[in-house]
Protein backbone atom coordinates (compact mmCIF):
# COMPACT_ATOMS: atom_id res chain seq x y z
CA MET A 1 -97.81 149.42 -66.91
CA LEU A 2 -94.72 148.62 -64.62
CA SER A 3 -95.26 148.15 -60.98
CA CYS A 4 -93.16 150.07 -57.97
CA ILE A 5 -90.95 147.86 -56.44
CA GLU A 6 -92.87 146.23 -53.42
CA ASN A 7 -92.41 148.38 -50.29
CA PRO A 8 -89.48 150.71 -50.72
CA GLN A 9 -87.90 152.29 -48.09
CA MET A 10 -86.27 155.73 -48.35
CA ASP A 11 -83.02 155.54 -46.89
CA ALA A 12 -82.69 157.35 -43.70
CA GLN A 13 -79.12 157.15 -43.17
CA CYS A 14 -78.67 160.98 -44.38
CA TYR A 15 -75.30 162.67 -45.14
CA LEU A 16 -75.00 165.83 -43.08
CA LEU A 17 -74.92 167.93 -46.28
CA ALA A 18 -78.07 166.42 -47.80
CA THR A 19 -79.60 167.38 -44.75
CA ILE A 20 -78.49 170.85 -44.32
CA PHE A 21 -79.60 171.06 -48.25
CA VAL A 22 -83.21 170.12 -47.47
CA ASN A 23 -82.97 172.06 -44.62
CA MET A 24 -82.45 175.44 -46.77
CA LEU A 25 -85.25 174.75 -49.00
CA GLN A 26 -88.23 176.65 -47.88
CA VAL A 27 -91.78 175.21 -47.28
CA ASN A 28 -95.26 177.05 -47.58
CA GLY A 29 -93.03 180.24 -47.88
CA LYS A 30 -91.00 179.79 -44.62
CA CYS A 31 -87.32 179.08 -44.30
CA MET A 32 -86.91 176.06 -42.22
CA GLY A 33 -85.14 176.53 -38.58
CA VAL A 34 -82.13 175.31 -36.59
CA ARG A 35 -84.30 173.01 -34.63
CA LEU A 36 -85.72 171.06 -37.80
CA LEU A 37 -81.92 170.93 -38.87
CA LYS A 38 -81.19 169.50 -35.42
CA VAL A 39 -83.92 166.89 -35.65
CA LEU A 40 -82.81 165.59 -39.51
CA ILE A 41 -78.94 165.37 -37.83
CA ILE A 42 -80.46 163.38 -35.25
CA LEU A 43 -82.27 161.15 -38.04
CA GLY A 44 -78.74 160.35 -39.48
CA SER A 45 -77.07 159.49 -36.80
CA ILE A 46 -80.03 157.11 -35.38
CA ALA A 47 -79.43 154.85 -38.49
CA MET A 48 -75.64 155.09 -37.98
CA ASN A 49 -75.61 154.20 -34.51
CA SER A 50 -78.88 152.63 -32.80
CA PHE A 51 -79.57 150.72 -35.97
CA LYS A 52 -75.94 150.18 -37.36
CA GLN A 53 -76.23 151.82 -40.88
CA GLY A 54 -79.78 149.90 -41.15
CA LEU A 55 -82.75 150.92 -42.98
CA LEU A 56 -84.83 153.66 -40.63
CA ASN A 57 -88.26 154.42 -41.79
CA PRO A 58 -90.23 157.65 -40.95
CA LYS A 59 -92.17 155.80 -38.27
CA GLU A 60 -89.47 154.23 -36.51
CA PHE A 61 -87.40 157.68 -36.75
CA VAL A 62 -90.43 159.24 -34.86
CA LYS A 63 -90.80 156.69 -32.38
CA SER A 64 -86.61 157.10 -31.75
CA VAL A 65 -86.67 160.67 -31.41
CA SER A 66 -89.74 160.60 -29.01
CA LEU A 67 -91.41 163.45 -30.86
CA ASP A 68 -94.37 164.98 -28.81
CA GLU A 69 -97.30 167.32 -29.45
CA ASN A 70 -95.28 170.20 -29.38
CA SER A 71 -93.00 168.95 -32.48
CA GLN A 72 -96.06 168.60 -34.66
CA GLN A 73 -94.78 171.67 -36.27
CA GLU A 74 -91.39 170.28 -36.74
CA MET A 75 -92.58 167.04 -37.74
CA TYR A 76 -94.86 169.07 -40.46
CA ASN A 77 -91.51 170.97 -41.82
CA THR A 78 -89.66 167.48 -41.83
CA ILE A 79 -91.92 166.03 -44.06
CA SER A 80 -92.51 169.15 -46.21
CA SER A 81 -88.92 169.30 -46.82
CA TRP A 82 -88.09 165.81 -47.82
CA PHE A 83 -91.50 166.28 -49.67
CA HIS A 84 -89.75 168.99 -52.40
CA VAL A 85 -86.74 166.99 -52.30
CA ILE A 86 -87.96 163.76 -53.05
CA VAL A 87 -91.37 164.08 -54.74
CA GLY A 88 -90.55 167.45 -56.07
CA GLY A 89 -87.84 165.69 -57.76
CA THR A 90 -89.18 162.85 -59.26
CA ASN A 91 -92.33 164.83 -60.29
CA ASP A 92 -89.73 166.77 -62.35
CA VAL A 93 -88.12 163.89 -63.72
CA ALA A 94 -90.99 162.87 -65.27
CA ASN A 95 -91.78 166.11 -66.60
CA SER A 96 -88.51 165.84 -68.28
CA THR A 97 -89.72 162.43 -69.53
CA MET A 98 -93.07 163.72 -70.75
CA LEU A 99 -91.64 166.84 -73.01
CA ASP A 100 -89.20 164.75 -74.61
CA ALA A 101 -91.89 162.43 -75.64
CA ILE A 102 -94.32 165.68 -76.69
CA ASN A 103 -91.15 166.83 -78.86
CA GLU A 104 -90.65 163.32 -80.86
CA ILE A 105 -94.54 163.33 -81.31
CA LYS A 106 -94.18 166.91 -83.04
CA LYS A 107 -91.98 165.33 -85.43
CA THR A 108 -94.57 163.24 -86.63
CA ASN A 109 -98.14 164.20 -88.21
CA LEU A 110 -99.92 162.57 -84.83
CA TYR A 111 -99.70 166.36 -83.23
CA ARG A 112 -103.14 167.37 -83.94
CA HIS A 113 -106.72 167.25 -82.80
CA ARG A 114 -107.38 164.86 -80.01
CA VAL A 115 -103.52 164.28 -79.22
CA LYS A 116 -102.65 167.65 -79.52
CA LYS A 117 -105.28 168.56 -76.98
CA ALA A 118 -104.23 166.15 -74.43
CA CYS A 119 -100.82 167.09 -74.74
CA LYS A 120 -101.52 170.75 -73.97
CA ASP A 121 -103.48 169.52 -70.91
CA ALA A 122 -100.76 167.48 -69.47
CA LEU A 123 -98.40 170.31 -69.66
CA SER A 124 -100.98 172.57 -68.15
CA ARG A 125 -101.82 170.13 -65.35
CA TYR A 126 -98.31 170.30 -64.74
CA GLU A 127 -98.00 173.77 -64.29
CA VAL A 128 -100.62 173.87 -61.92
CA PHE A 129 -98.17 171.87 -59.54
CA ASP A 130 -94.58 173.40 -60.93
CA LYS A 131 -95.75 176.88 -60.16
CA ALA A 132 -97.10 176.07 -56.57
CA ASN A 133 -94.13 173.91 -55.78
CA MET A 134 -91.57 177.18 -56.94
CA ALA A 135 -93.73 179.61 -54.78
CA ASP A 136 -92.73 177.55 -51.37
CA MET A 137 -89.02 177.94 -52.45
CA ARG A 138 -89.52 182.23 -51.90
CA SER A 139 -90.49 184.14 -49.15
CA GLU A 140 -89.86 188.10 -47.90
CA GLU A 141 -86.84 186.99 -46.24
CA HIS A 142 -85.22 184.36 -49.06
CA ASP A 143 -85.51 183.23 -52.60
CA ARG A 144 -84.12 179.84 -53.00
CA ARG A 145 -85.62 179.05 -56.46
CA GLN A 146 -82.23 178.79 -58.45
CA LEU A 147 -80.85 176.50 -55.84
CA TYR A 148 -83.84 174.15 -56.09
CA MET A 149 -83.71 174.25 -59.97
CA ASP A 150 -80.15 173.92 -60.03
CA PHE A 151 -81.26 170.64 -57.44
CA LEU A 152 -83.80 169.83 -59.87
CA ASP A 153 -81.41 170.00 -62.93
CA SER A 154 -78.93 167.90 -61.37
CA VAL A 155 -81.63 165.20 -60.44
CA ASN A 156 -82.82 164.88 -63.97
CA GLU A 157 -79.27 164.59 -65.36
CA ARG A 158 -77.97 161.56 -63.11
CA LEU A 159 -81.35 159.77 -64.01
CA LYS A 160 -81.06 160.48 -67.83
CA PRO A 161 -79.04 157.62 -69.19
CA HIS A 162 -81.32 155.29 -66.98
CA ILE A 163 -84.14 156.77 -68.35
CA PHE A 164 -82.77 155.54 -71.70
CA ILE A 165 -81.88 152.36 -70.61
CA LEU A 166 -85.83 152.08 -69.79
CA ARG A 167 -86.98 153.68 -73.12
CA GLN A 168 -84.53 151.34 -75.15
CA SER A 169 -85.52 147.93 -73.12
CA ILE A 170 -89.25 149.26 -73.77
CA LYS A 171 -88.60 149.63 -77.47
CA ARG A 172 -86.85 146.09 -77.87
CA VAL A 173 -90.32 144.48 -76.12
CA LEU A 174 -92.04 146.50 -78.94
CA ASP A 175 -89.53 145.57 -81.83
CA ARG A 176 -90.47 141.36 -80.52
CA ASN A 177 -93.92 142.17 -80.74
CA LYS A 178 -93.45 143.79 -84.17
CA ILE A 179 -95.28 147.01 -83.03
CA ALA A 180 -94.56 149.39 -85.52
CA ASP A 181 -93.17 153.09 -84.69
CA SER A 182 -91.47 151.59 -81.53
CA GLU A 183 -89.06 154.24 -81.66
CA LEU A 184 -91.70 156.88 -80.90
CA LYS A 185 -94.08 154.86 -78.70
CA SER A 186 -91.39 154.03 -76.75
CA HIS A 187 -90.61 157.61 -75.71
CA ILE A 188 -94.37 157.74 -75.23
CA LEU A 189 -94.96 154.63 -72.87
CA THR A 190 -91.72 155.81 -71.00
CA ALA A 191 -93.17 158.97 -70.04
CA TYR A 192 -96.54 157.09 -69.26
CA GLU A 193 -94.37 154.87 -66.69
CA MET A 194 -92.42 157.90 -64.83
CA ILE A 195 -96.00 160.03 -64.58
CA ASN A 196 -97.26 156.79 -62.82
CA TYR A 197 -94.62 156.35 -60.79
CA SER A 198 -94.73 159.90 -59.21
CA VAL A 199 -98.60 159.45 -58.26
CA GLU A 200 -97.41 155.92 -56.50
CA LEU A 201 -94.71 157.65 -54.96
CA PHE A 202 -96.73 160.37 -53.80
CA ASP A 203 -99.18 157.54 -52.21
CA LYS A 204 -96.08 155.79 -50.93
CA PHE A 205 -94.53 158.70 -49.66
CA PHE A 206 -97.78 159.78 -46.90
CA LYS A 207 -98.54 156.35 -46.33
CA ALA A 208 -95.38 156.13 -44.88
CA TRP A 209 -95.11 158.99 -42.43
CA PRO A 210 -97.12 159.21 -39.36
CA PRO A 211 -100.55 161.31 -39.54
CA CYS A 212 -99.84 165.08 -38.12
CA PRO A 213 -103.06 166.45 -37.15
CA PRO A 214 -104.41 168.80 -37.62
CA ILE A 215 -102.92 168.98 -41.06
CA ASN A 216 -104.21 166.75 -43.80
CA LEU A 217 -100.89 165.84 -45.48
CA VAL A 218 -102.22 164.90 -48.52
CA LYS A 219 -104.71 167.33 -48.79
CA THR A 220 -101.77 169.97 -48.52
CA PHE A 221 -99.66 168.52 -51.26
CA GLU A 222 -102.44 167.39 -53.66
CA LYS A 223 -101.29 169.35 -56.25
CA ALA A 224 -98.17 167.42 -56.65
CA ARG A 225 -100.04 163.91 -57.17
CA LEU A 226 -100.28 164.24 -60.73
CA HIS A 227 -103.03 161.99 -61.45
CA PRO A 228 -104.42 164.94 -63.98
CA VAL A 229 -101.56 164.66 -65.79
CA ARG A 230 -101.63 160.97 -65.81
CA GLN A 231 -105.00 161.28 -67.25
CA ALA A 232 -104.53 163.47 -69.97
CA TRP A 233 -101.24 161.36 -70.98
CA GLN A 234 -103.40 158.26 -70.97
CA ILE A 235 -105.18 159.60 -73.70
CA VAL A 236 -101.96 160.36 -75.84
CA GLU A 237 -100.85 156.83 -75.08
CA ASP A 238 -104.29 155.27 -76.04
CA THR A 239 -104.84 157.02 -78.98
CA ILE A 240 -101.11 156.43 -80.74
CA CYS A 241 -99.91 153.04 -78.88
CA ASP A 242 -103.57 151.32 -79.42
CA ASP A 243 -101.71 148.27 -80.96
CA CYS A 244 -99.48 148.05 -77.39
CA ARG A 245 -102.50 147.01 -75.45
CA GLY A 246 -101.92 143.64 -73.87
CA ILE A 247 -97.86 144.04 -73.30
CA ASP A 248 -96.95 143.20 -69.88
CA LEU A 249 -93.75 145.37 -69.89
CA ASN A 250 -93.47 143.43 -65.94
CA LYS A 251 -92.45 140.45 -67.53
CA ASP A 252 -89.51 141.50 -69.20
CA LYS A 253 -86.46 141.58 -66.92
CA ASP A 254 -84.52 144.06 -68.31
CA CYS A 255 -87.24 146.76 -68.45
CA ARG A 256 -87.87 145.50 -64.67
CA LEU A 257 -84.14 146.25 -63.86
CA ALA A 258 -84.16 149.68 -65.47
CA PHE A 259 -87.17 150.42 -64.04
CA ASP A 260 -85.86 149.42 -60.25
CA ILE A 261 -82.52 151.28 -60.75
CA ILE A 262 -84.68 154.46 -61.57
CA GLU A 263 -86.57 153.94 -58.33
CA THR A 264 -83.81 153.26 -56.32
CA LYS A 265 -81.64 156.37 -58.01
CA LEU A 266 -84.64 158.73 -57.17
CA ILE A 267 -85.13 158.34 -53.08
CA SER A 268 -81.48 157.46 -52.11
CA GLU A 269 -79.59 159.59 -50.03
CA GLN A 270 -76.28 158.80 -52.06
CA ASN A 271 -78.20 160.60 -55.15
CA LEU A 272 -79.54 163.50 -52.81
CA GLN A 273 -76.45 164.30 -51.29
CA ALA A 274 -74.63 164.26 -54.75
CA SER A 275 -77.28 166.44 -56.24
CA SER A 276 -77.29 168.82 -53.43
CA GLU A 277 -73.55 169.15 -53.22
CA GLU A 278 -73.80 170.51 -57.01
CA ALA A 279 -76.66 172.90 -56.39
CA LEU A 280 -74.67 174.07 -53.81
CA SER A 281 -71.53 174.75 -55.68
CA LEU A 282 -73.46 177.04 -58.39
CA ASN A 283 -74.61 179.02 -55.58
CA PRO A 284 -71.76 180.19 -53.56
CA LYS A 285 -73.65 182.08 -51.11
CA GLU A 286 -75.90 179.44 -50.25
CA LYS A 287 -73.07 176.86 -50.17
CA LEU A 288 -71.40 179.09 -47.02
CA VAL A 289 -75.02 179.06 -45.59
CA ALA A 290 -74.93 175.16 -45.49
CA ASP A 291 -71.22 175.34 -44.29
CA LYS A 292 -71.78 177.55 -41.43
CA ALA A 293 -74.73 174.78 -40.07
CA ILE A 294 -71.83 171.73 -40.52
CA LEU A 295 -69.54 173.96 -38.94
CA GLN A 296 -72.19 175.15 -36.26
CA TYR A 297 -72.91 171.31 -35.59
CA ASP A 298 -69.36 170.35 -35.39
CA ARG A 299 -68.82 173.04 -32.68
CA GLN A 300 -72.11 171.82 -30.73
CA GLU A 301 -70.66 168.44 -30.69
CA HIS A 302 -67.61 169.23 -29.78
CA ASN A 303 -65.97 167.93 -32.95
CA LYS A 304 -63.00 169.25 -34.81
CA MET A 305 -63.84 172.45 -36.37
CA VAL A 306 -62.54 172.03 -40.39
CA LEU A 307 -63.07 174.93 -42.63
CA SER A 308 -64.48 174.02 -46.01
CA GLU A 309 -62.74 175.21 -49.28
CA ALA A 310 -65.73 177.92 -49.52
CA GLN A 311 -64.66 179.24 -45.85
CA VAL A 312 -61.40 179.58 -46.77
CA ALA A 313 -61.69 181.19 -49.86
CA TYR A 314 -64.10 183.66 -48.33
CA LEU A 315 -61.72 184.58 -45.17
CA LYS A 316 -58.99 185.14 -47.64
CA GLU A 317 -61.31 187.54 -49.59
CA ASN A 318 -62.89 189.03 -46.81
CA TYR A 319 -60.47 189.37 -43.98
CA LEU A 320 -58.71 192.77 -44.43
CA THR A 321 -62.21 194.42 -45.49
CA LYS A 322 -64.71 193.01 -42.62
CA THR A 323 -64.70 193.04 -38.68
CA ASN A 324 -64.03 189.69 -37.24
CA ARG A 325 -67.46 189.98 -36.09
CA GLU A 326 -68.95 189.96 -39.13
CA LEU A 327 -66.61 187.16 -40.43
CA ALA A 328 -67.43 184.99 -37.38
CA ASP A 329 -70.98 185.57 -37.94
CA THR A 330 -70.83 184.56 -41.68
CA ILE A 331 -68.38 181.42 -41.08
CA GLY A 332 -70.14 179.91 -37.82
CA CYS A 333 -67.29 180.21 -35.13
CA GLY A 334 -66.89 182.15 -32.47
CA LEU A 335 -64.19 185.30 -32.31
CA THR A 336 -61.35 183.15 -30.64
CA LYS A 337 -61.65 180.20 -33.26
CA LEU A 338 -61.76 182.88 -35.99
CA ARG A 339 -58.07 184.30 -34.91
CA GLU A 340 -56.95 180.43 -34.82
CA PHE A 341 -58.14 179.79 -38.28
CA ALA A 342 -56.92 183.49 -39.28
CA LYS A 343 -53.42 182.19 -37.94
CA GLU A 344 -53.19 178.77 -39.89
CA LEU A 345 -54.06 180.31 -43.10
CA GLY A 346 -51.76 183.33 -42.58
CA LEU A 347 -53.98 185.79 -42.46
CA THR A 348 -52.83 189.01 -40.61
CA LYS A 349 -54.31 192.60 -39.88
CA LYS A 350 -55.36 195.06 -37.26
CA GLN A 351 -57.95 193.43 -35.01
CA ILE A 352 -60.97 195.84 -35.22
CA ALA A 353 -63.28 193.80 -33.06
């Protein structure tokens, strides 16, 4: 099997929109609060200022912001939110790769008996995680399942070309070793590599973060560790790819490079930002929530406050029908600043607030 990059670090120089998106996702039925947003913003500013755009690992982050015992809940929320984005996204990619492989198996006469049972076991075991993961996106106050699903879809689409390259690299290795049915077997082996990586990433993720007593983080999120899925898929691989044993994919530079690129894409802040932006663009109401957070942050930091395209559209559409207070609350500014924005946009009406 392919091994993970040694000691990979998750980039901590996070773009503001990506951190706000993470903040918006609900964890354990609770919506992340404003304080968590501030912590995530601090995380990005530290990496850019103190560490001069270097990589800041989680332990350095905790030391830098001097979190005390009173901030344990805050730390738990931070870890939980990043978990849903990074580990949750990786698990979803692994599941998609497995589904593709199962569809290929179904095209043959191999989808029966032991293989069929193992495939169904793998899917049902993944569903245990998936249900728990999606349940965290819903509470009495909010339902952000669609936002999260759109994010996961975006992550999957961005990884598809790289998964394809990995599979083709594996197929070439099989062909060089004169393995029969290399097309099918490349799908099965690729699925195993992604499932195995998701388990390794889970372990690395919680090893990187400091303890958060009295919470046992690994136990809390253990449903996301896809070891049971890996066990079931191992049966599929052993049954169909028995003649592939002894082939070391790590020795093939193309497989190694393709896998390293996938790992980098899954944990990079650039890709998190891009997928966050895409998901928010498909959910206008959530986009306004994110834009409001950005505007309030700029206000707090005494930066120039600039409306987003979504906020401009909202003002133009609702300026005549909503009170100034309602508009200001939605946008995230004060009444005086709202009037300035309205003047800049050429919006006029009789003041009703």
